[in-house]
Protein backbone atom coordinates (compact mmCIF):
# COMPACT_ATOMS: atom_id res chain seq x y z
CA UNK A 1 -95.48 135.30 -30.73
CA UNK A 2 -99.23 134.85 -30.87
CA UNK A 3 -101.06 135.03 -34.16
CA UNK A 4 -104.62 136.18 -34.32
CA UNK A 5 -106.76 134.52 -37.04
CA UNK A 6 -109.05 136.87 -38.88
CA UNK A 7 -112.74 135.94 -39.22
CA UNK A 8 -112.40 135.64 -43.05
CA UNK A 9 -109.50 133.24 -42.73
CA UNK A 10 -111.42 131.13 -40.21
CA UNK A 11 -114.40 130.93 -42.53
CA UNK A 12 -112.18 129.74 -45.41
CA UNK A 13 -110.61 127.02 -43.23
CA UNK A 14 -114.06 125.90 -42.05
CA UNK A 15 -115.32 125.67 -45.65
CA UNK A 16 -112.32 123.55 -46.69
CA UNK A 17 -112.97 121.19 -43.76
CA UNK A 18 -116.63 120.92 -44.69
CA UNK A 19 -115.71 120.09 -48.30
CA UNK A 20 -113.33 117.33 -47.13
CA UNK A 21 -116.04 115.79 -44.92
CA UNK A 22 -118.49 115.98 -47.84
CA UNK A 23 -116.07 114.15 -50.15
CA UNK A 24 -115.53 111.43 -47.55
CA UNK A 25 -119.28 110.99 -47.07
CA UNK A 26 -119.81 110.86 -50.87
CA UNK A 27 -117.13 108.16 -51.23
CA UNK A 28 -118.68 106.10 -48.45
CA UNK A 29 -122.07 106.50 -50.13
CA UNK A 30 -120.69 105.15 -53.41
CA UNK A 31 -119.30 102.06 -51.64
CA UNK A 32 -122.62 101.44 -49.90
CA UNK A 33 -124.55 101.93 -53.15
CA UNK A 34 -122.21 99.48 -54.90
CA UNK A 35 -122.90 96.87 -52.21
CA UNK A 36 -126.67 97.34 -52.52
CA UNK A 37 -126.49 97.12 -56.33
CA UNK A 38 -124.41 93.94 -56.18
CA UNK A 39 -126.87 92.37 -53.72
CA UNK A 40 -129.84 93.24 -55.93
CA UNK A 41 -128.20 91.96 -59.11
CA UNK A 42 -126.73 88.77 -57.66
CA UNK A 43 -129.94 86.69 -57.66
CA UNK A 44 -130.58 87.60 -61.29
CA UNK A 45 -127.02 86.82 -62.29
CA UNK A 46 -126.97 83.52 -60.42
CA UNK A 47 -130.35 82.33 -61.71
CA UNK A 48 -129.79 79.59 -64.27
CA UNK A 49 -132.10 77.54 -66.50
CA UNK A 50 -131.91 73.93 -65.33
CA UNK A 51 -131.39 71.07 -67.71
CA UNK A 52 -134.10 68.39 -67.71
CA UNK A 53 -131.71 65.94 -66.03
CA UNK A 54 -130.42 68.40 -63.39
CA UNK A 55 -132.08 69.69 -60.23
CA UNK A 56 -129.36 72.26 -59.40
CA UNK A 57 -126.45 73.99 -61.11
CA UNK A 58 -123.49 74.58 -58.78
CA UNK A 59 -121.75 77.95 -59.12
CA UNK A 60 -118.49 79.44 -57.93
CA UNK A 61 -118.08 83.12 -57.04
CA UNK A 62 -114.72 84.89 -56.95
CA UNK A 63 -114.09 88.53 -56.20
CA UNK A 64 -111.59 90.96 -57.64
CA UNK A 65 -111.72 94.31 -55.90
CA UNK A 66 -115.39 95.24 -55.65
CA UNK A 67 -116.52 93.30 -58.79
CA UNK A 68 -118.15 89.88 -58.34
CA UNK A 69 -117.41 87.25 -61.03
CA UNK A 70 -119.82 84.33 -61.38
CA UNK A 71 -118.66 81.09 -63.02
CA UNK A 72 -120.84 78.07 -63.85
CA UNK A 73 -119.29 74.67 -63.10
CA UNK A 74 -122.21 72.53 -64.35
CA UNK A 75 -121.53 69.96 -67.06
CA UNK A 76 -123.84 70.08 -70.08
CA UNK A 77 -125.53 66.85 -71.20
CA UNK A 78 -126.61 65.74 -74.66
CA UNK A 79 -130.17 64.44 -74.88
CA UNK A 80 -132.16 63.02 -72.01
CA UNK A 81 -131.33 59.72 -70.35
CA UNK A 82 -133.84 57.09 -71.46
CA UNK A 83 -134.87 53.72 -70.04
CA UNK A 84 -133.89 50.80 -72.25
CA UNK A 85 -136.79 49.06 -73.97
CA UNK A 86 -137.75 45.83 -72.23
CA UNK A 87 -136.57 42.66 -73.98
CA UNK A 88 -139.04 39.81 -74.50
CA UNK A 89 -139.13 36.31 -75.89
CA UNK A 90 -138.74 35.78 -79.63
CA UNK A 91 -141.48 33.16 -79.80
CA UNK A 92 -141.66 30.24 -82.23
CA UNK A 93 -142.54 32.07 -85.43
CA UNK A 94 -139.53 34.24 -86.30
CA UNK A 95 -137.97 33.78 -89.75
CA UNK A 96 -134.67 35.16 -91.01
CA UNK A 97 -134.21 36.92 -94.36
CA UNK A 98 -137.46 38.87 -94.35
CA UNK A 99 -137.86 41.31 -97.26
CA UNK A 100 -136.76 44.92 -96.76
CA UNK A 101 -139.91 47.07 -96.84
CA UNK A 102 -141.80 49.65 -94.79
CA UNK A 103 -145.28 48.34 -95.70
CA UNK A 104 -146.49 44.82 -94.96
CA UNK A 105 -149.85 45.49 -96.61
CA UNK A 106 -150.94 44.70 -100.16
CA UNK A 107 -154.28 44.50 -101.99
CA UNK A 108 -155.04 41.08 -100.51
CA UNK A 109 -154.34 41.97 -96.88
CA UNK A 110 -157.40 41.82 -94.63
CA UNK A 111 -157.85 43.81 -91.44
CA UNK A 112 -157.61 47.32 -90.02
CA UNK A 113 -154.66 49.21 -91.47
CA UNK A 114 -152.26 50.44 -88.79
CA UNK A 115 -149.32 52.80 -89.33
CA UNK A 116 -146.67 52.80 -86.60
CA UNK A 117 -144.04 55.54 -86.44
CA UNK A 118 -141.26 56.33 -84.00
CA UNK A 119 -137.55 56.55 -83.39
CA UNK A 120 -134.74 54.28 -82.32
CA UNK A 121 -132.73 56.03 -79.59
CA UNK A 122 -129.56 55.36 -77.64
CA UNK A 123 -129.68 55.38 -73.84
CA UNK A 124 -128.56 59.04 -73.81
CA UNK A 125 -131.44 60.06 -76.07
CA UNK A 126 -129.34 60.30 -79.24
CA UNK A 127 -131.19 59.12 -82.39
CA UNK A 128 -129.70 55.98 -83.92
CA UNK A 129 -129.35 56.17 -87.68
CA UNK A 130 -129.35 53.06 -89.87
CA UNK A 131 -130.70 50.84 -87.08
CA UNK A 132 -132.29 47.55 -88.13
CA UNK A 133 -136.00 47.20 -87.27
CA UNK A 134 -137.49 43.79 -88.17
CA UNK A 135 -141.24 43.13 -87.67
CA UNK A 136 -143.35 39.97 -87.85
CA UNK A 137 -146.90 39.26 -86.71
CA UNK A 138 -150.11 37.27 -87.09
CA UNK A 139 -152.71 38.31 -89.61
CA UNK A 140 -156.17 39.61 -88.73
CA UNK A 141 -157.32 36.03 -88.12
CA UNK A 142 -154.49 35.28 -85.69
CA UNK A 143 -152.38 33.13 -88.03
CA UNK A 144 -148.68 33.48 -88.94
CA UNK A 145 -147.38 32.87 -92.44
CA UNK A 146 -144.70 30.25 -91.78
CA UNK A 147 -144.23 29.24 -95.42
CA UNK A 148 -143.72 32.71 -96.85
CA UNK A 149 -143.18 36.29 -95.68
CA UNK A 150 -146.69 37.67 -95.40
CA UNK A 151 -146.73 40.35 -92.65
CA UNK A 152 -142.98 40.09 -92.23
CA UNK A 153 -140.40 42.71 -93.15
CA UNK A 154 -137.39 44.70 -92.03
CA UNK A 155 -136.19 48.26 -92.59
CA UNK A 156 -133.50 50.72 -91.46
CA UNK A 157 -133.98 54.00 -89.64
CA UNK A 158 -133.21 57.28 -91.38
CA UNK A 159 -130.54 59.81 -90.40
CA UNK A 160 -132.66 60.97 -87.45
CA UNK A 161 -133.49 57.48 -86.20
CA UNK A 162 -137.06 57.41 -87.56
CA UNK A 163 -138.93 54.38 -88.86
CA UNK A 164 -142.44 53.94 -90.33
CA UNK A 165 -144.34 50.68 -90.60
CA UNK A 166 -147.65 50.13 -92.38
CA UNK A 167 -149.34 46.91 -91.31
CA UNK A 168 -152.69 45.66 -89.96
CA UNK A 169 -153.95 45.10 -86.44
CA UNK A 170 -153.07 41.45 -85.66
CA UNK A 171 -155.74 38.99 -84.64
CA UNK A 172 -155.92 36.93 -81.47
CA UNK A 173 -154.94 33.30 -81.02
CA UNK A 174 -155.15 31.02 -77.95
CA UNK A 175 -152.89 31.87 -75.02
CA UNK A 176 -151.80 35.35 -76.11
CA UNK A 177 -153.04 38.92 -76.14
CA UNK A 178 -152.79 41.04 -79.31
CA UNK A 179 -149.14 41.81 -80.15
CA UNK A 180 -146.49 42.50 -82.81
CA UNK A 181 -142.98 41.03 -82.67
CA UNK A 182 -139.92 43.16 -83.42
CA UNK A 183 -136.13 42.98 -83.39
CA UNK A 184 -134.12 46.21 -83.17
CA UNK A 185 -130.37 46.59 -83.57
CA UNK A 186 -128.14 49.65 -83.69
CA UNK A 187 -125.19 49.36 -86.11
CA UNK A 188 -122.61 47.11 -84.38
CA UNK A 189 -124.84 46.95 -81.29
CA UNK A 190 -126.56 43.98 -79.58
CA UNK A 191 -129.91 42.77 -80.85
CA UNK A 192 -133.04 43.73 -78.90
CA UNK A 193 -135.95 41.30 -79.28
CA UNK A 194 -139.28 42.50 -77.91
CA UNK A 195 -143.02 42.79 -78.58
CA UNK A 196 -145.51 45.64 -78.95
CA UNK A 197 -148.96 45.55 -77.36
CA UNK A 198 -152.34 47.24 -77.76
CA UNK A 199 -154.16 49.32 -75.13
CA UNK A 200 -157.48 48.26 -73.66
CA UNK A 201 -157.16 44.57 -74.53
CA UNK A 202 -158.93 42.29 -72.04
CA UNK A 203 -156.23 39.66 -72.46
CA UNK A 204 -153.47 42.02 -71.37
CA UNK A 205 -154.21 41.16 -67.75
CA UNK A 206 -153.97 37.40 -68.31
CA UNK A 207 -151.03 37.23 -70.73
CA UNK A 208 -147.93 36.22 -68.76
CA UNK A 209 -145.61 37.92 -71.27
CA UNK A 210 -147.43 41.26 -71.49
CA UNK A 211 -145.53 44.34 -70.27
CA UNK A 212 -147.31 47.73 -69.95
CA UNK A 213 -144.16 49.63 -70.96
CA UNK A 214 -144.51 48.12 -74.45
CA UNK A 215 -148.05 49.35 -75.16
CA UNK A 216 -148.49 51.33 -78.36
CA UNK A 217 -149.94 54.84 -78.26
CA UNK A 218 -152.84 54.40 -80.70
CA UNK A 219 -155.22 56.94 -82.27
CA UNK A 220 -158.17 56.43 -84.61
CA UNK A 221 -157.78 58.30 -87.90
CA UNK A 222 -161.55 58.49 -88.43
CA UNK A 223 -161.37 56.73 -91.80
CA UNK A 224 -161.24 53.14 -90.63
CA UNK A 225 -157.45 53.16 -90.16
CA UNK A 226 -155.33 53.66 -87.06
CA UNK A 227 -152.02 55.33 -86.23
CA UNK A 228 -149.61 54.48 -83.44
CA UNK A 229 -146.27 55.64 -82.06
CA UNK A 230 -143.47 53.89 -80.19
CA UNK A 231 -139.81 54.75 -79.55
CA UNK A 232 -137.25 51.99 -79.01
CA UNK A 233 -134.29 52.65 -76.71
CA UNK A 234 -131.38 50.29 -77.32
CA UNK A 235 -127.80 49.66 -76.34
CA UNK A 236 -125.42 50.85 -79.04
CA UNK A 237 -122.30 48.91 -78.03
């Protein structure tokens, strides 16, 4: 038997077919749009702020269905790796048992007052609390006090590794450029013996001990005094 399809029935079948093709196209459009959206978002998601000690941050990407999951595999670091302060000779004028004080200046001290501030740091940049910092130097005329403790003194850093020293600019004596001696020791760490130098000194170029990495950063306070900064980096074990 042959069935004849009415025009109305044919139209309804055609409409249902059109709707099915429209749904398929819509679904494909959603998939394509999802891919475009993922591609546009990926650079923003993957962009990371680099640590000072890192040039790149490796990432891993895993997929579950159509969702991309980004995981960071970089290891975080504490502080910034520092170069250890250069060790130098102790010289002939060191004395043990200096008084504990942050100022080496009194009413009788001659010379330009100089205040030095800074921190004692570990190699990983961590401040070293309670570190010993022991200074000794010549006076403004270039002479050391070898019978007493004039311009000699030690102190300990605070909880954040800071120290402050008030002294005077040392004078010159034959064979050496201008300098200040210092010993620095973290609690239970090895002793660092070194020297601090002054910028712009003509004798810096002829002093066989001088090291440019040990030059103080000095500013003029405008009132006849000077200020300087220097951070010591030491081994802690």
